[in-house]
Amino acid sequence: MLPIFTNPDHAQTTILRRAAWDEQPMPAAVLDGIERIFGQRLTPEQAVATVLADVRARGDAAVLEWSERIDGPTPRGSGAFQRELLPVPQAEIDAAAASLDPALLDALKLAAQRLEAFHRQQPTGSWMDVTPGGVLGQIVRPLARVGVYVPAGSAPLPSSLLHCVIPARVAGVREIVVCTPPDRSTGRPAPLTLAAARVAGVDAVYAIGGSQAIAAMAYGAGSVPRVDKIVGPGGLFVTLAKRQLFGVVGIDGLPGPTETLVIADDTADPAIVAADLLAQAEHDLLASAILLTPSRRLAERVQVEVSRQLETLSRAEIAAASLAGRGGIVLTADLDQAVALANAYAPEHLCLLTAEPWALVGRIENAGGIFVGEHSFEVLGDYVAGPSHVMPTEGTARFASPLSVADFVKRISLIALGAEEGRRLSGPAALLADGEGLTAHAAAARARL
């Protein structure tokens, strides 16, 4: 049963408490798996570092070898390891799209259209300020090549491909490559993922998963080109690889388990609230789905609805474990306290199911996305609303933003001052250089006087 916390202070030390990765105990099953694969009981960080170093040294051969050792053999990779890791042929990608149910293909196209329309509204232009003294400005250039990781897990996630690739395309990125784990029975990505790649206009798709995929894109692995930036969600080992490669390659962020925070009052439909919580909880065991409400009546009715709806779900066991471990209902004194708790928690998704949700929007300071009213539910954001669903998690919404066009461009400062302006500024620059003890700086400035 979904627990109800009657004391908000207690909730802040339990379900609303942010715990760093290093504070969380690593399940024995994970450590056992590492020992089986690597021959020694390494930490996940050490295991990832081993894979990254090997891929950097041996390229394709290391990628294929680690893929087989970690994930098991595939029809393409069993026996002797191939020397090349070729992308999925375009003909297979086209065939995957052609084989889809037309309604499902139309849904992919609708999502892509809405994502493109939304991200074309984001400003990324260059600018110049021309004055009598010269020109100052900013030149914006798209990244040349971007890598997108698309997790598979227990099900393909073509939506993640669209939500990463479309903003990159709008930004003008010239080449986009995708890495996604293959189906172990076919050695190829899921047809639905391949169809999404065709709709989004991906340049190449590689059937690679895990930290070896991140390493291949970061270093280049022979067949897999080196990219300028890697984006997209992933599990523990993908996230650890991205963290270790930060600085070698651009990284969008280090997303953790998904999370939803709902603020609701007694006007909310308990069945709707329960459905929204369960939609988040079914992702995985570490997903967080939390309700903040001043209404005990709503809390109790949502609790009943969650139990009732759980019985109808295909992933009921996962959702139930998620709610028991990281979910709950917090009774607040009023909506003001609920907003304060939400800002402190800084959720990935914040859903406002109140009589006047717009009255709360202006007071929200920290959230990846705000979903206003019961018709703007979070599931729409996952698929077809328009903004990218790659949003900051683990409280990073305090300083980070959802994936956007700005993540796929770089800004170059432009300085073009005239002779008179250069001389006018040389004196103050030399004084500042003297103050810092940088005499060569000061001399270079005074040479213009």
Protein backbone atom coordinates (compact mmCIF):
# COMPACT_ATOMS: atom_id res chain seq x y z
CA MET A 1 0.00 0.00 0.00
CA LEU A 2 1.24 3.49 -0.85
CA PRO A 3 2.39 5.02 2.46
CA ILE A 4 0.95 8.28 3.77
CA PHE A 5 3.31 10.61 5.63
CA THR A 6 1.43 12.89 8.02
CA ASN A 7 4.57 14.77 9.07
CA PRO A 8 6.24 16.74 6.24
CA ASP A 9 9.45 17.06 8.27
CA HIS A 10 9.67 13.28 8.48
CA ALA A 11 9.00 13.01 4.74
CA GLN A 12 11.96 15.29 4.06
CA THR A 13 14.26 12.82 5.81
CA THR A 14 12.83 9.83 3.93
CA ILE A 15 11.11 9.92 0.53
CA LEU A 16 11.94 13.59 -0.13
CA ARG A 17 15.58 13.16 0.81
CA ARG A 18 18.13 13.18 -1.97
CA ALA A 19 20.83 10.54 -1.53
CA ALA A 20 24.04 10.69 -3.54
CA TRP A 21 25.04 7.64 -5.54
CA ASP A 22 27.91 6.89 -3.21
CA GLU A 23 25.52 6.82 -0.25
CA GLN A 24 23.31 4.14 -1.75
CA PRO A 25 24.29 0.49 -1.11
CA MET A 26 25.05 -1.47 -4.26
CA PRO A 27 22.87 -4.60 -4.57
CA ALA A 28 24.80 -7.84 -4.17
CA ALA A 29 23.40 -9.08 -7.48
CA VAL A 30 25.17 -6.22 -9.31
CA LEU A 31 28.49 -6.95 -7.60
CA ASP A 32 28.07 -10.69 -8.27
CA GLY A 33 27.48 -9.96 -11.95
CA ILE A 34 30.60 -7.81 -12.15
CA GLU A 35 32.67 -10.55 -10.52
CA ARG A 36 31.36 -13.10 -13.00
CA ILE A 37 32.17 -10.91 -16.01
CA PHE A 38 35.45 -9.34 -14.90
CA GLY A 39 36.85 -12.17 -12.82
CA GLN A 40 37.18 -10.03 -9.70
CA ARG A 41 34.86 -8.15 -7.38
CA LEU A 42 35.19 -4.63 -8.76
CA THR A 43 33.02 -1.66 -7.95
CA PRO A 44 30.78 -0.48 -10.80
CA GLU A 45 33.11 2.52 -11.26
CA GLN A 46 36.13 0.23 -11.59
CA ALA A 47 34.32 -2.06 -14.01
CA VAL A 48 33.34 0.86 -16.23
CA ALA A 49 36.89 2.27 -16.13
CA THR A 50 38.20 -1.11 -17.32
CA VAL A 51 35.84 -1.15 -20.30
CA LEU A 52 36.59 2.47 -21.25
CA ALA A 53 40.35 1.92 -21.20
CA ASP A 54 40.08 -1.21 -23.33
CA VAL A 55 37.83 0.43 -25.93
CA ARG A 56 40.20 3.38 -26.12
CA ALA A 57 43.10 1.00 -26.75
CA ARG A 58 41.51 -1.59 -29.05
CA GLY A 59 38.49 0.05 -30.64
CA ASP A 60 35.94 -2.15 -32.40
CA ALA A 61 37.41 -5.41 -31.15
CA ALA A 62 37.04 -4.32 -27.54
CA VAL A 63 33.49 -3.06 -28.10
CA LEU A 64 32.41 -6.37 -29.58
CA GLU A 65 34.24 -8.45 -26.99
CA TRP A 66 32.76 -6.58 -24.02
CA SER A 67 29.31 -6.64 -25.59
CA GLU A 68 29.48 -10.42 -25.81
CA ARG A 69 30.96 -10.84 -22.34
CA ILE A 70 28.45 -8.53 -20.67
CA ASP A 71 25.27 -9.14 -22.65
CA GLY A 72 25.86 -12.59 -24.10
CA PRO A 73 26.42 -13.68 -27.70
CA THR A 74 24.20 -12.58 -30.57
CA PRO A 75 23.73 -14.22 -33.97
CA ARG A 76 26.16 -11.67 -35.42
CA GLY A 77 28.82 -11.86 -32.74
CA SER A 78 29.07 -15.46 -31.49
CA GLY A 79 32.39 -17.27 -31.85
CA ALA A 80 35.28 -15.22 -33.19
CA PHE A 81 34.85 -11.49 -32.67
CA GLN A 82 34.41 -9.38 -35.78
CA ARG A 83 37.07 -6.80 -36.57
CA GLU A 84 34.50 -4.25 -37.67
CA LEU A 85 31.30 -3.00 -36.12
CA LEU A 86 29.17 -1.83 -39.00
CA PRO A 87 26.03 0.29 -38.66
CA VAL A 88 22.62 -1.21 -39.29
CA PRO A 89 22.08 -1.10 -43.07
CA GLN A 90 19.75 1.63 -44.26
CA ALA A 91 17.63 -0.98 -46.03
CA GLU A 92 16.88 -2.63 -42.67
CA ILE A 93 15.93 0.73 -41.16
CA ASP A 94 13.60 1.46 -44.07
CA ALA A 95 12.09 -2.02 -43.83
CA ALA A 96 11.47 -1.61 -40.11
CA ALA A 97 9.52 1.58 -40.73
CA ALA A 98 7.56 0.00 -43.57
CA SER A 99 6.60 -2.98 -41.41
CA LEU A 100 5.09 -0.91 -38.59
CA ASP A 101 1.38 -0.59 -38.03
CA PRO A 102 0.51 2.61 -39.96
CA ALA A 103 -1.13 4.14 -36.87
CA LEU A 104 2.04 3.57 -34.82
CA LEU A 105 4.21 5.08 -37.56
CA ASP A 106 1.86 8.09 -37.69
CA ALA A 107 2.25 8.48 -33.91
CA LEU A 108 6.04 8.58 -34.31
CA LYS A 109 5.69 11.20 -37.03
CA LEU A 110 3.30 13.28 -34.91
CA ALA A 111 5.75 13.22 -32.00
CA ALA A 112 8.59 14.27 -34.31
CA GLN A 113 6.54 17.12 -35.79
CA ARG A 114 5.57 18.50 -32.39
CA LEU A 115 9.13 18.18 -31.08
CA GLU A 116 10.45 20.07 -34.09
CA ALA A 117 7.82 22.82 -33.81
CA PHE A 118 8.58 23.33 -30.12
CA HIS A 119 12.34 23.42 -30.48
CA ARG A 120 12.26 25.80 -33.45
CA GLN A 121 10.95 28.42 -31.00
CA GLN A 122 14.18 28.29 -28.98
CA PRO A 123 16.56 31.18 -29.79
CA THR A 124 20.09 30.24 -30.83
CA GLY A 125 21.10 33.09 -33.16
CA SER A 126 24.41 34.87 -33.48
CA TRP A 127 24.57 38.60 -32.73
CA MET A 128 26.89 41.57 -33.18
CA ASP A 129 26.97 44.96 -31.48
CA VAL A 130 28.55 47.45 -33.87
CA THR A 131 29.68 50.72 -32.28
CA PRO A 132 32.11 53.48 -33.29
CA GLY A 133 34.70 51.68 -31.16
CA GLY A 134 34.42 48.39 -32.99
CA VAL A 135 32.43 45.17 -32.91
CA LEU A 136 31.57 42.77 -30.09
CA GLY A 137 29.42 39.76 -30.69
CA GLN A 138 28.69 36.09 -30.42
CA ILE A 139 28.86 33.51 -33.18
CA VAL A 140 26.72 30.39 -32.69
CA ARG A 141 27.76 27.23 -34.48
CA PRO A 142 26.15 23.78 -34.34
CA LEU A 143 28.18 20.82 -33.16
CA ALA A 144 29.55 18.75 -36.03
CA ARG A 145 28.72 15.25 -34.77
CA VAL A 146 26.54 14.08 -31.87
CA GLY A 147 26.06 10.62 -30.40
CA VAL A 148 22.71 9.58 -28.93
CA TYR A 149 22.35 6.68 -26.55
CA VAL A 150 18.93 5.03 -26.62
CA PRO A 151 18.36 2.52 -23.81
CA ALA A 152 16.38 -0.65 -24.37
CA GLY A 153 16.14 -2.47 -21.04
CA SER A 154 12.94 -4.47 -20.80
CA ALA A 155 11.39 -2.59 -23.74
CA PRO A 156 12.55 -0.40 -26.66
CA LEU A 157 12.39 3.36 -26.11
CA PRO A 158 11.96 4.99 -29.53
CA SER A 159 10.56 8.09 -27.82
CA SER A 160 13.97 8.77 -26.26
CA LEU A 161 15.54 8.65 -29.71
CA LEU A 162 13.09 11.24 -31.03
CA HIS A 163 13.42 13.46 -27.98
CA CYS A 164 17.22 13.59 -28.37
CA VAL A 165 17.63 13.61 -32.13
CA ILE A 166 15.00 16.19 -33.13
CA PRO A 167 16.48 19.07 -31.04
CA ALA A 168 19.90 18.23 -32.48
CA ARG A 169 18.52 18.33 -36.01
CA VAL A 170 16.83 21.69 -35.36
CA ALA A 171 20.15 23.02 -34.04
CA GLY A 172 21.82 22.10 -37.33
CA VAL A 173 24.04 19.22 -36.19
CA ARG A 174 25.50 17.76 -39.36
CA GLU A 175 25.85 14.11 -38.30
CA ILE A 176 23.94 12.15 -35.66
CA VAL A 177 24.77 8.58 -34.71
CA VAL A 178 22.74 6.38 -32.40
CA CYS A 179 23.90 3.51 -30.19
CA THR A 180 21.24 1.23 -28.75
CA PRO A 181 21.42 -2.30 -27.31
CA PRO A 182 20.46 -5.07 -29.72
CA ASP A 183 17.83 -7.68 -29.16
CA ARG A 184 19.81 -10.70 -28.04
CA SER A 185 17.92 -13.05 -30.36
CA THR A 186 18.46 -11.03 -33.54
CA GLY A 187 21.55 -8.94 -32.93
CA ARG A 188 19.65 -5.91 -34.19
CA PRO A 189 17.85 -3.04 -32.46
CA ALA A 190 14.09 -3.25 -32.07
CA PRO A 191 12.18 -2.46 -35.30
CA LEU A 192 10.30 0.32 -33.50
CA THR A 193 13.61 2.02 -32.60
CA LEU A 194 14.85 1.67 -36.17
CA ALA A 195 11.60 3.19 -37.45
CA ALA A 196 12.05 6.14 -35.08
CA ALA A 197 15.59 6.56 -36.40
CA ARG A 198 14.23 6.81 -39.93
CA VAL A 199 11.55 9.32 -38.94
CA ALA A 200 14.13 11.47 -37.11
CA GLY A 201 16.70 11.34 -39.89
CA VAL A 202 19.52 9.60 -38.02
CA ASP A 203 22.73 9.11 -40.03
CA ALA A 204 23.82 5.78 -38.51
CA VAL A 205 22.54 3.28 -35.95
CA TYR A 206 24.91 0.92 -34.11
CA ALA A 207 23.70 -2.11 -32.19
CA ILE A 208 25.78 -1.50 -29.07
CA GLY A 209 24.72 -0.96 -25.48
CA GLY A 210 26.22 -0.18 -22.11
CA SER A 211 29.43 1.59 -21.19
CA GLN A 212 31.15 0.16 -24.27
CA ALA A 213 28.75 2.15 -26.47
CA ILE A 214 29.56 5.37 -24.63
CA ALA A 215 33.29 4.65 -24.94
CA ALA A 216 32.97 3.90 -28.67
CA MET A 217 31.30 7.25 -29.32
CA ALA A 218 33.65 9.20 -27.04
CA TYR A 219 36.93 7.81 -28.37
CA GLY A 220 35.92 6.56 -31.78
CA ALA A 221 36.22 2.82 -32.28
CA GLY A 222 37.17 2.38 -35.90
CA SER A 223 33.72 1.80 -37.33
CA VAL A 224 32.01 4.09 -34.80
CA PRO A 225 33.02 7.72 -35.36
CA ARG A 226 34.20 9.94 -32.54
CA VAL A 227 31.48 12.41 -31.58
CA ASP A 228 31.63 15.87 -30.04
CA LYS A 229 28.86 15.28 -27.51
CA ILE A 230 26.86 12.35 -26.13
CA VAL A 231 23.25 12.73 -25.01
CA GLY A 232 20.49 10.43 -23.86
CA PRO A 233 19.44 8.53 -20.74
CA GLY A 234 20.76 5.16 -19.63
CA GLY A 235 21.22 2.82 -16.71
CA LEU A 236 23.89 2.77 -14.01
CA PHE A 237 26.83 1.71 -16.19
CA VAL A 238 25.96 4.14 -18.99
CA THR A 239 25.70 6.99 -16.50
CA LEU A 240 28.99 6.05 -14.83
CA ALA A 241 30.67 5.95 -18.25
CA LYS A 242 29.36 9.41 -19.09
CA ARG A 243 30.61 10.74 -15.77
CA GLN A 244 34.10 9.28 -16.29
CA LEU A 245 34.28 10.63 -19.85
CA PHE A 246 33.21 14.16 -18.97
CA GLY A 247 35.88 16.42 -20.44
CA VAL A 248 36.86 13.90 -23.10
CA VAL A 249 33.54 14.47 -24.82
CA GLY A 250 30.59 16.76 -24.22
CA ILE A 251 27.98 15.25 -21.90
CA ASP A 252 24.36 16.37 -21.61
CA GLY A 253 24.00 15.33 -17.98
CA LEU A 254 23.93 12.36 -15.64
CA PRO A 255 20.27 11.37 -15.46
CA GLY A 256 19.18 9.15 -12.61
CA PRO A 257 15.92 7.23 -12.14
CA THR A 258 12.83 9.03 -13.34
CA GLU A 259 10.62 10.92 -10.90
CA THR A 260 7.25 12.66 -10.65
CA LEU A 261 5.96 14.96 -7.96
CA VAL A 262 2.23 15.73 -7.94
CA ILE A 263 0.69 18.65 -6.08
CA ALA A 264 -3.07 18.16 -5.73
CA ASP A 265 -5.94 19.50 -3.66
CA ASP A 266 -9.37 18.05 -2.86
CA THR A 267 -10.71 19.03 -6.31
CA ALA A 268 -8.43 16.48 -8.00
CA ASP A 269 -9.80 13.20 -9.31
CA PRO A 270 -8.17 10.47 -7.18
CA ALA A 271 -8.30 8.01 -10.09
CA ILE A 272 -6.36 10.45 -12.28
CA VAL A 273 -3.79 11.14 -9.56
CA ALA A 274 -3.30 7.43 -8.97
CA ALA A 275 -2.92 6.76 -12.71
CA ASP A 276 -0.26 9.47 -13.02
CA LEU A 277 1.69 8.09 -10.06
CA LEU A 278 1.56 4.55 -11.41
CA ALA A 279 2.62 5.65 -14.88
CA GLN A 280 5.86 6.84 -13.36
CA ALA A 281 6.31 3.99 -10.90
CA GLU A 282 6.21 1.31 -13.61
CA HIS A 283 9.49 2.55 -15.16
CA ASP A 284 11.76 0.75 -12.72
CA LEU A 285 12.32 -0.13 -9.08
CA LEU A 286 14.12 3.15 -8.38
CA ALA A 287 11.51 5.46 -9.93
CA SER A 288 9.95 8.01 -7.59
CA ALA A 289 6.25 8.90 -7.60
CA ILE A 290 5.16 11.24 -4.80
CA LEU A 291 1.95 13.14 -4.03
CA LEU A 292 1.89 16.33 -1.95
CA THR A 293 -1.58 17.35 -0.79
CA PRO A 294 -3.24 19.20 2.07
CA SER A 295 -6.32 16.96 1.70
CA ARG A 296 -6.42 13.83 3.85
CA ARG A 297 -9.58 12.77 2.04
CA LEU A 298 -7.78 12.87 -1.32
CA ALA A 299 -4.74 11.09 0.13
CA GLU A 300 -6.83 8.18 1.38
CA ARG A 301 -8.81 7.90 -1.85
CA VAL A 302 -5.62 7.96 -3.95
CA GLN A 303 -4.18 5.25 -1.73
CA VAL A 304 -7.21 3.05 -2.46
CA GLU A 305 -7.10 3.85 -6.19
CA VAL A 306 -3.43 2.94 -6.45
CA SER A 307 -4.11 -0.48 -4.95
CA ARG A 308 -7.08 -1.03 -7.25
CA GLN A 309 -5.33 0.06 -10.45
CA LEU A 310 -2.19 -1.91 -9.67
CA GLU A 311 -4.14 -5.12 -10.18
CA THR A 312 -4.67 -4.26 -13.87
CA LEU A 313 -1.06 -3.44 -14.81
CA SER A 314 1.34 -5.69 -16.71
CA ARG A 315 4.27 -4.27 -14.70
CA ALA A 316 2.44 -4.30 -11.38
CA GLU A 317 5.31 -5.93 -9.50
CA ILE A 318 7.77 -3.23 -10.55
CA ALA A 319 5.30 -0.40 -9.86
CA ALA A 320 4.40 -1.78 -6.43
CA ALA A 321 8.06 -2.13 -5.43
CA SER A 322 8.83 1.37 -6.68
CA LEU A 323 5.96 2.92 -4.71
CA ALA A 324 6.88 0.98 -1.58
CA GLY A 325 10.54 1.95 -1.78
CA ARG A 326 10.56 5.50 -3.16
CA GLY A 327 6.94 6.62 -3.36
CA GLY A 328 4.40 8.01 -0.97
CA ILE A 329 1.82 10.63 -0.10
CA VAL A 330 2.80 13.62 2.05
CA LEU A 331 0.09 15.53 3.89
CA THR A 332 0.97 19.23 3.94
CA ALA A 333 -0.48 22.09 5.96
CA ASP A 334 -1.58 23.84 2.75
CA LEU A 335 -0.62 24.34 -0.87
CA ASP A 336 2.01 26.91 0.15
CA GLN A 337 3.90 24.23 2.04
CA ALA A 338 3.47 21.82 -0.87
CA VAL A 339 5.08 24.35 -3.22
CA ALA A 340 7.94 24.93 -0.78
CA LEU A 341 8.58 21.19 -0.52
CA ALA A 342 8.45 20.84 -4.30
CA ASN A 343 10.99 23.62 -4.81
CA ALA A 344 13.30 22.00 -2.28
CA TYR A 345 12.92 18.59 -3.95
CA ALA A 346 13.41 20.00 -7.49
CA PRO A 347 11.61 17.19 -9.34
CA GLU A 348 12.09 16.09 -12.89
CA HIS A 349 8.32 16.27 -13.50
CA LEU A 350 6.01 18.49 -11.45
CA CYS A 351 2.28 17.97 -12.02
CA LEU A 352 -0.22 20.53 -10.73
CA LEU A 353 -3.69 19.01 -10.20
CA THR A 354 -5.39 21.79 -8.26
CA ALA A 355 -8.44 23.97 -8.68
CA GLU A 356 -6.27 26.86 -9.92
CA PRO A 357 -2.97 25.38 -11.14
CA TRP A 358 -1.91 28.57 -12.92
CA ALA A 359 -1.85 30.32 -9.56
CA LEU A 360 1.04 28.04 -8.58
CA VAL A 361 3.07 28.19 -11.79
CA GLY A 362 4.70 31.54 -11.02
CA ARG A 363 5.90 30.23 -7.67
CA ILE A 364 7.69 27.17 -9.01
CA GLU A 365 11.45 27.71 -9.02
CA ASN A 366 12.89 24.23 -9.49
CA ALA A 367 11.50 21.61 -11.87
CA GLY A 368 12.45 19.96 -15.12
CA GLY A 369 8.94 20.43 -16.46
CA ILE A 370 5.65 21.78 -15.10
CA PHE A 371 2.47 19.99 -16.18
CA VAL A 372 -0.49 22.30 -15.63
CA GLY A 373 -3.85 20.65 -14.97
CA GLU A 374 -5.14 17.13 -15.52
CA HIS A 375 -5.21 17.49 -19.33
CA SER A 376 -1.47 18.22 -19.45
CA PHE A 377 -0.40 14.97 -17.88
CA GLU A 378 3.19 13.79 -17.72
CA VAL A 379 2.70 10.87 -20.10
CA LEU A 380 2.01 13.37 -22.90
CA GLY A 381 5.38 14.92 -22.09
CA ASP A 382 6.98 11.50 -22.48
CA TYR A 383 5.77 11.22 -26.04
CA VAL A 384 4.00 13.93 -28.01
CA ALA A 385 3.62 17.22 -26.07
CA GLY A 386 6.62 18.95 -27.69
CA PRO A 387 9.45 19.60 -25.18
CA SER A 388 12.15 16.97 -24.87
CA HIS A 389 11.46 14.44 -22.14
CA VAL A 390 15.18 14.31 -21.30
CA MET A 391 14.97 16.37 -18.11
CA PRO A 392 17.16 16.90 -15.04
CA THR A 393 16.72 14.35 -12.24
CA GLU A 394 18.08 13.79 -8.73
CA GLY A 395 17.49 17.42 -7.75
CA THR A 396 19.66 18.82 -10.54
CA ALA A 397 16.69 20.91 -11.71
CA ARG A 398 18.08 23.42 -9.18
CA PHE A 399 20.69 24.32 -11.81
CA ALA A 400 20.07 22.22 -14.94
CA SER A 401 17.49 22.35 -17.73
CA PRO A 402 15.74 19.95 -20.10
CA LEU A 403 17.56 18.95 -23.27
CA SER A 404 17.17 21.73 -25.82
CA VAL A 405 18.60 23.20 -29.01
CA ALA A 406 21.15 25.04 -26.84
CA ASP A 407 22.71 21.68 -25.93
CA PHE A 408 23.75 21.15 -29.55
CA VAL A 409 25.43 24.45 -30.34
CA LYS A 410 28.56 26.20 -29.17
CA ARG A 411 29.06 29.94 -28.75
CA ILE A 412 32.16 31.72 -30.01
CA SER A 413 32.91 35.20 -28.70
CA LEU A 414 33.79 37.81 -31.34
CA ILE A 415 36.07 40.77 -30.53
CA ALA A 416 36.95 43.24 -33.31
CA LEU A 417 37.89 46.61 -31.78
CA GLY A 418 39.19 49.59 -33.70
CA ALA A 419 42.62 51.16 -33.09
CA GLU A 420 41.31 54.05 -30.99
CA GLU A 421 39.16 51.80 -28.80
CA GLY A 422 42.02 49.34 -28.38
CA ARG A 423 44.31 52.13 -27.17
CA ARG A 424 41.64 53.53 -24.85
CA LEU A 425 41.20 50.18 -23.12
CA SER A 426 44.91 49.30 -22.99
CA GLY A 427 45.62 51.47 -19.92
CA PRO A 428 42.94 49.92 -17.67
CA ALA A 429 43.89 46.44 -18.92
CA ALA A 430 47.57 47.06 -18.04
CA LEU A 431 46.63 48.25 -14.55
CA LEU A 432 44.58 45.11 -13.93
CA ALA A 433 47.45 42.96 -15.22
CA ASP A 434 49.86 44.73 -12.85
CA GLY A 435 47.45 44.02 -10.01
CA GLU A 436 47.57 40.32 -10.84
CA GLY A 437 51.37 40.32 -11.15
CA LEU A 438 51.26 39.39 -14.83
CA THR A 439 53.92 41.68 -16.26
CA ALA A 440 53.87 40.18 -19.78
CA HIS A 441 50.14 40.87 -19.94
CA ALA A 442 50.76 44.46 -18.86
CA ALA A 443 53.55 44.90 -21.39
CA ALA A 444 51.39 43.59 -24.24
CA ALA A 445 48.68 46.08 -23.31
CA ARG A 446 51.08 49.04 -22.98
CA ALA A 447 52.65 48.21 -26.37
CA ARG A 448 49.41 49.53 -27.88
CA LEU A 449 49.66 52.90 -26.13
